[in-house]
Amino acid sequence: MQKWLSLVFFMGLMGCSVTLPAGQVTLSPGVNWPLQVLTQNNTFADTQVLVTGQFAQQSHQMLVTTEVNHNKFVMVGVSLQGVPLFELTQSATGEISTKRYIPIPMKAEYVLADMQVIHLPLNDVQSQLVGARLVEEIENGDRYRRIYHQDTLVIEVRYTEQLIHFSHKTRGYQLSIKNLRQNS
């Protein structure tokens, strides 16, 4: 019996749930991103992507699925073995609630912010980015989106035919994103 109580207590600690008002994420000191309220019309409203992240010489993968239904946006992260990692729900007013099923080094709000910076149209990102300058250009056939704070490169996104490469220069992590499904 004591084993079961310990297991239930442990699972309760692991499955934390947090509700946050509509807000913003700090991308880098002096650079903020107000989390956008997402609708069915957004580029990644109904997608499934494979995200490979690299940080401190370690590599991890997860599937991230997004969908919009009943006036709310839902993003779920799952390990390749099918273990739920997190769930983020955003209401039509922008209120965000998150559930973390197991400890992972990145908050779901940061995953959402990165996905928005990657996928939202250039004008939307440009108009909402606080404390930074956004440059988008084509080099050697690939599209690049770069975010600068003053003259320092903070984020670089490279779009190729197969993958999206995201590099957060300030935090020292990289993401490779492969689109598995998009219903738009």
C-alpha atoms as a PDB file:
ATOM      1  CA  MET A   1       0.000   0.000   0.000  1.00  0.00           C
ATOM      2  CA  GLN A   2       2.800   2.394   0.887  1.00  0.00           C
ATOM      3  CA  LYS A   3       4.380   1.820  -2.559  1.00  0.00           C
ATOM      4  CA  TRP A   4       1.114   2.828  -4.250  1.00  0.00           C
ATOM      5  CA  LEU A   5       0.769   5.964  -2.136  1.00  0.00           C
ATOM      6  CA  SER A   6       4.349   6.925  -2.954  1.00  0.00           C
ATOM      7  CA  LEU A   7       3.698   6.337  -6.655  1.00  0.00           C
ATOM      8  CA  VAL A   8       0.502   8.428  -6.604  1.00  0.00           C
ATOM      9  CA  PHE A   9       2.301  11.215  -4.724  1.00  0.00           C
ATOM     10  CA  PHE A  10       5.204  11.097  -7.198  1.00  0.00           C
ATOM     11  CA  MET A  11       2.874  11.204 -10.211  1.00  0.00           C
ATOM     12  CA  GLY A  12       1.018  14.129  -8.656  1.00  0.00           C
ATOM     13  CA  LEU A  13       4.267  16.046  -8.332  1.00  0.00           C
ATOM     14  CA  MET A  14       5.273  15.272 -11.892  1.00  0.00           C
ATOM     15  CA  GLY A  15       2.004  16.259 -13.531  1.00  0.00           C
ATOM     16  CA  CYS A  16       2.083  19.907 -12.481  1.00  0.00           C
ATOM     17  CA  SER A  17      -0.430  22.255 -13.991  1.00  0.00           C
ATOM     18  CA  VAL A  18      -0.053  26.019 -14.265  1.00  0.00           C
ATOM     19  CA  THR A  19      -2.391  28.695 -15.631  1.00  0.00           C
ATOM     20  CA  LEU A  20      -0.866  31.969 -16.789  1.00  0.00           C
ATOM     21  CA  PRO A  21      -2.485  35.175 -18.010  1.00  0.00           C
ATOM     22  CA  ALA A  22      -1.832  36.217 -21.578  1.00  0.00           C
ATOM     23  CA  GLY A  23       1.750  37.294 -21.560  1.00  0.00           C
ATOM     24  CA  GLN A  24       5.110  37.296 -23.112  1.00  0.00           C
ATOM     25  CA  VAL A  25       8.263  35.241 -23.199  1.00  0.00           C
ATOM     26  CA  THR A  26      11.731  36.722 -22.866  1.00  0.00           C
ATOM     27  CA  LEU A  27      13.665  35.491 -25.900  1.00  0.00           C
ATOM     28  CA  SER A  28      16.866  37.151 -24.712  1.00  0.00           C
ATOM     29  CA  PRO A  29      17.695  39.966 -22.283  1.00  0.00           C
ATOM     30  CA  GLY A  30      15.967  43.008 -23.757  1.00  0.00           C
ATOM     31  CA  VAL A  31      13.999  40.979 -26.335  1.00  0.00           C
ATOM     32  CA  ASN A  32      10.409  39.954 -25.609  1.00  0.00           C
ATOM     33  CA  TRP A  33       7.804  38.062 -27.594  1.00  0.00           C
ATOM     34  CA  PRO A  34       4.122  38.535 -26.689  1.00  0.00           C
ATOM     35  CA  LEU A  35       2.511  35.126 -27.178  1.00  0.00           C
ATOM     36  CA  GLN A  36      -0.003  35.445 -30.002  1.00  0.00           C
ATOM     37  CA  VAL A  37      -3.563  34.159 -29.793  1.00  0.00           C
ATOM     38  CA  LEU A  38      -3.680  31.476 -32.452  1.00  0.00           C
ATOM     39  CA  THR A  39      -6.644  30.694 -34.670  1.00  0.00           C
ATOM     40  CA  GLN A  40      -7.486  28.135 -37.332  1.00  0.00           C
ATOM     41  CA  ASN A  41      -5.999  30.516 -39.921  1.00  0.00           C
ATOM     42  CA  ASN A  42      -2.485  30.403 -38.465  1.00  0.00           C
ATOM     43  CA  THR A  43       0.222  28.570 -40.384  1.00  0.00           C
ATOM     44  CA  PHE A  44       0.740  25.844 -37.809  1.00  0.00           C
ATOM     45  CA  ALA A  45      -2.790  25.567 -36.408  1.00  0.00           C
ATOM     46  CA  ASP A  46      -3.114  21.841 -37.203  1.00  0.00           C
ATOM     47  CA  THR A  47       0.314  20.286 -37.565  1.00  0.00           C
ATOM     48  CA  GLN A  48       2.536  17.528 -36.313  1.00  0.00           C
ATOM     49  CA  VAL A  49       6.283  18.067 -36.338  1.00  0.00           C
ATOM     50  CA  LEU A  50       9.324  16.100 -35.269  1.00  0.00           C
ATOM     51  CA  VAL A  51      11.567  18.353 -33.191  1.00  0.00           C
ATOM     52  CA  THR A  52      15.189  17.405 -32.630  1.00  0.00           C
ATOM     53  CA  GLY A  53      16.823  19.611 -30.034  1.00  0.00           C
ATOM     54  CA  GLN A  54      20.505  19.963 -29.234  1.00  0.00           C
ATOM     55  CA  PHE A  55      21.830  21.581 -26.089  1.00  0.00           C
ATOM     56  CA  ALA A  56      25.123  21.103 -24.221  1.00  0.00           C
ATOM     57  CA  GLN A  57      26.204  18.311 -26.586  1.00  0.00           C
ATOM     58  CA  GLN A  58      23.023  16.315 -25.918  1.00  0.00           C
ATOM     59  CA  SER A  59      20.317  15.562 -28.464  1.00  0.00           C
ATOM     60  CA  HIS A  60      16.637  14.871 -27.743  1.00  0.00           C
ATOM     61  CA  GLN A  61      13.592  14.327 -29.956  1.00  0.00           C
ATOM     62  CA  MET A  62       9.880  14.839 -29.463  1.00  0.00           C
ATOM     63  CA  LEU A  63       6.721  15.007 -31.513  1.00  0.00           C
ATOM     64  CA  VAL A  64       4.769  18.251 -31.212  1.00  0.00           C
ATOM     65  CA  THR A  65       1.152  18.285 -32.342  1.00  0.00           C
ATOM     66  CA  THR A  66      -0.959  21.434 -32.567  1.00  0.00           C
ATOM     67  CA  GLU A  67      -4.640  21.960 -33.222  1.00  0.00           C
ATOM     68  CA  VAL A  68      -7.302  24.612 -32.890  1.00  0.00           C
ATOM     69  CA  ASN A  69     -10.792  23.591 -31.827  1.00  0.00           C
ATOM     70  CA  HIS A  70     -13.662  25.123 -29.880  1.00  0.00           C
ATOM     71  CA  ASN A  71     -11.922  28.526 -29.757  1.00  0.00           C
ATOM     72  CA  LYS A  72      -8.773  27.183 -28.123  1.00  0.00           C
ATOM     73  CA  PHE A  73      -5.300  26.265 -29.304  1.00  0.00           C
ATOM     74  CA  VAL A  74      -3.726  23.059 -27.984  1.00  0.00           C
ATOM     75  CA  MET A  75      -0.081  22.030 -28.313  1.00  0.00           C
ATOM     76  CA  VAL A  76       1.080  18.636 -27.035  1.00  0.00           C
ATOM     77  CA  GLY A  77       4.646  17.343 -26.772  1.00  0.00           C
ATOM     78  CA  VAL A  78       5.216  13.581 -26.717  1.00  0.00           C
ATOM     79  CA  SER A  79       8.424  11.538 -26.643  1.00  0.00           C
ATOM     80  CA  LEU A  80       9.124   9.192 -29.553  1.00  0.00           C
ATOM     81  CA  GLN A  81       8.192   6.339 -27.205  1.00  0.00           C
ATOM     82  CA  GLY A  82       4.736   7.887 -26.738  1.00  0.00           C
ATOM     83  CA  VAL A  83       5.299   9.322 -23.252  1.00  0.00           C
ATOM     84  CA  PRO A  84       3.434  12.645 -22.792  1.00  0.00           C
ATOM     85  CA  LEU A  85       5.840  15.473 -21.956  1.00  0.00           C
ATOM     86  CA  PHE A  86       3.642  18.564 -21.822  1.00  0.00           C
ATOM     87  CA  GLU A  87       0.328  20.026 -22.893  1.00  0.00           C
ATOM     88  CA  LEU A  88      -0.279  23.715 -23.480  1.00  0.00           C
ATOM     89  CA  THR A  89      -3.761  25.159 -23.972  1.00  0.00           C
ATOM     90  CA  GLN A  90      -4.376  28.753 -25.016  1.00  0.00           C
ATOM     91  CA  SER A  91      -7.859  30.253 -24.714  1.00  0.00           C
ATOM     92  CA  ALA A  92      -9.346  32.725 -27.191  1.00  0.00           C
ATOM     93  CA  THR A  93      -8.390  35.504 -24.735  1.00  0.00           C
ATOM     94  CA  GLY A  94      -4.760  34.365 -24.664  1.00  0.00           C
ATOM     95  CA  GLU A  95      -4.788  32.753 -21.214  1.00  0.00           C
ATOM     96  CA  ILE A  96      -2.365  29.835 -21.178  1.00  0.00           C
ATOM     97  CA  SER A  97      -2.516  26.722 -19.053  1.00  0.00           C
ATOM     98  CA  THR A  98       0.258  24.153 -19.087  1.00  0.00           C
ATOM     99  CA  LYS A  99       0.682  20.652 -17.767  1.00  0.00           C
ATOM    100  CA  ARG A 100       4.117  19.074 -17.441  1.00  0.00           C
ATOM    101  CA  TYR A 101       3.944  15.322 -17.213  1.00  0.00           C
ATOM    102  CA  ILE A 102       7.649  14.743 -16.712  1.00  0.00           C
ATOM    103  CA  PRO A 103      10.447  17.204 -16.064  1.00  0.00           C
ATOM    104  CA  ILE A 104      11.894  18.588 -19.281  1.00  0.00           C
ATOM    105  CA  PRO A 105      14.457  21.391 -19.480  1.00  0.00           C
ATOM    106  CA  MET A 106      12.239  23.757 -21.503  1.00  0.00           C
ATOM    107  CA  LYS A 107       8.889  25.284 -20.603  1.00  0.00           C
ATOM    108  CA  ALA A 108       6.030  24.737 -23.053  1.00  0.00           C
ATOM    109  CA  GLU A 109       5.598  28.514 -23.389  1.00  0.00           C
ATOM    110  CA  TYR A 110       9.107  28.726 -24.864  1.00  0.00           C
ATOM    111  CA  VAL A 111       8.322  25.953 -27.345  1.00  0.00           C
ATOM    112  CA  LEU A 112       5.218  27.933 -28.367  1.00  0.00           C
ATOM    113  CA  ALA A 113       7.208  31.173 -28.673  1.00  0.00           C
ATOM    114  CA  ASP A 114       9.850  29.475 -30.838  1.00  0.00           C
ATOM    115  CA  MET A 115       7.160  27.933 -33.065  1.00  0.00           C
ATOM    116  CA  GLN A 116       5.433  31.304 -33.444  1.00  0.00           C
ATOM    117  CA  VAL A 117       8.669  33.076 -34.376  1.00  0.00           C
ATOM    118  CA  ILE A 118       9.342  30.314 -36.927  1.00  0.00           C
ATOM    119  CA  HIS A 119       5.890  29.917 -38.469  1.00  0.00           C
ATOM    120  CA  LEU A 120       3.983  33.188 -38.232  1.00  0.00           C
ATOM    121  CA  PRO A 121       4.107  35.528 -41.243  1.00  0.00           C
ATOM    122  CA  LEU A 122       7.002  37.984 -41.369  1.00  0.00           C
ATOM    123  CA  ASN A 123       4.796  41.061 -40.842  1.00  0.00           C
ATOM    124  CA  ASP A 124       3.159  39.509 -37.757  1.00  0.00           C
ATOM    125  CA  VAL A 125       6.512  38.687 -36.186  1.00  0.00           C
ATOM    126  CA  GLN A 126       7.983  42.068 -37.101  1.00  0.00           C
ATOM    127  CA  SER A 127       5.073  44.016 -35.627  1.00  0.00           C
ATOM    128  CA  GLN A 128       4.991  42.064 -32.339  1.00  0.00           C
ATOM    129  CA  LEU A 129       8.690  41.626 -31.561  1.00  0.00           C
ATOM    130  CA  VAL A 130       9.747  43.915 -28.690  1.00  0.00           C
ATOM    131  CA  GLY A 131      13.326  45.180 -28.368  1.00  0.00           C
ATOM    132  CA  ALA A 132      14.713  43.552 -31.488  1.00  0.00           C
ATOM    133  CA  ARG A 133      15.063  43.865 -35.233  1.00  0.00           C
ATOM    134  CA  LEU A 134      13.963  41.132 -37.654  1.00  0.00           C
ATOM    135  CA  VAL A 135      15.670  40.542 -40.998  1.00  0.00           C
ATOM    136  CA  GLU A 136      14.499  38.002 -43.565  1.00  0.00           C
ATOM    137  CA  GLU A 137      16.543  37.216 -46.664  1.00  0.00           C
ATOM    138  CA  ILE A 138      17.401  34.502 -49.189  1.00  0.00           C
ATOM    139  CA  GLU A 139      20.929  33.052 -49.246  1.00  0.00           C
ATOM    140  CA  ASN A 140      22.019  30.193 -51.524  1.00  0.00           C
ATOM    141  CA  GLY A 141      18.385  29.289 -52.164  1.00  0.00           C
ATOM    142  CA  ASP A 142      17.427  29.029 -48.469  1.00  0.00           C
ATOM    143  CA  ARG A 143      15.276  31.552 -46.637  1.00  0.00           C
ATOM    144  CA  TYR A 144      16.717  32.950 -43.403  1.00  0.00           C
ATOM    145  CA  ARG A 145      14.946  34.792 -40.603  1.00  0.00           C
ATOM    146  CA  ARG A 146      17.278  36.515 -38.141  1.00  0.00           C
ATOM    147  CA  ILE A 147      16.456  38.383 -34.954  1.00  0.00           C
ATOM    148  CA  TYR A 148      18.981  40.914 -33.666  1.00  0.00           C
ATOM    149  CA  HIS A 149      19.133  42.766 -30.358  1.00  0.00           C
ATOM    150  CA  GLN A 150      21.134  45.888 -31.112  1.00  0.00           C
ATOM    151  CA  ASP A 151      23.818  44.369 -33.394  1.00  0.00           C
ATOM    152  CA  THR A 152      23.931  40.937 -31.743  1.00  0.00           C
ATOM    153  CA  LEU A 153      22.321  37.934 -33.452  1.00  0.00           C
ATOM    154  CA  VAL A 154      19.867  36.340 -31.003  1.00  0.00           C
ATOM    155  CA  ILE A 155      17.938  33.848 -33.172  1.00  0.00           C
ATOM    156  CA  GLU A 156      18.545  32.459 -36.636  1.00  0.00           C
ATOM    157  CA  VAL A 157      16.018  30.370 -38.550  1.00  0.00           C
ATOM    158  CA  ARG A 158      16.946  28.673 -41.837  1.00  0.00           C
ATOM    159  CA  TYR A 159      14.157  27.210 -43.963  1.00  0.00           C
ATOM    160  CA  THR A 160      15.146  24.391 -46.327  1.00  0.00           C
ATOM    161  CA  GLU A 161      12.923  22.083 -48.374  1.00  0.00           C
ATOM    162  CA  GLN A 162      13.046  19.282 -45.797  1.00  0.00           C
ATOM    163  CA  LEU A 163      13.763  20.934 -42.454  1.00  0.00           C
ATOM    164  CA  ILE A 164      13.597  24.150 -40.506  1.00  0.00           C
ATOM    165  CA  HIS A 165      16.797  24.856 -38.562  1.00  0.00           C
ATOM    166  CA  PHE A 166      16.366  27.093 -35.498  1.00  0.00           C
ATOM    167  CA  SER A 167      19.380  28.343 -33.566  1.00  0.00           C
ATOM    168  CA  HIS A 168      18.983  30.311 -30.338  1.00  0.00           C
ATOM    169  CA  LYS A 169      22.366  32.006 -30.032  1.00  0.00           C
ATOM    170  CA  THR A 170      21.762  33.490 -26.570  1.00  0.00           C
ATOM    171  CA  ARG A 171      20.585  30.279 -24.905  1.00  0.00           C
ATOM    172  CA  GLY A 172      22.862  27.983 -26.909  1.00  0.00           C
ATOM    173  CA  TYR A 173      20.350  25.474 -28.269  1.00  0.00           C
ATOM    174  CA  GLN A 174      19.382  24.358 -31.752  1.00  0.00           C
ATOM    175  CA  LEU A 175      16.202  22.791 -33.091  1.00  0.00           C
ATOM    176  CA  SER A 176      15.639  20.903 -36.329  1.00  0.00           C
ATOM    177  CA  ILE A 177      11.966  20.721 -37.236  1.00  0.00           C
ATOM    178  CA  LYS A 178      10.522  18.298 -39.757  1.00  0.00           C
ATOM    179  CA  ASN A 179       6.901  18.727 -40.773  1.00  0.00           C
ATOM    180  CA  LEU A 180       5.061  15.402 -40.574  1.00  0.00           C
ATOM    181  CA  ARG A 181       1.513  16.674 -41.117  1.00  0.00           C
ATOM    182  CA  GLN A 182      -0.156  19.958 -41.869  1.00  0.00           C
ATOM    183  CA  ASN A 183      -3.878  20.434 -42.374  1.00  0.00           C
ATOM    184  CA  SER A 184      -4.560  23.928 -43.576  1.00  0.00           C
END
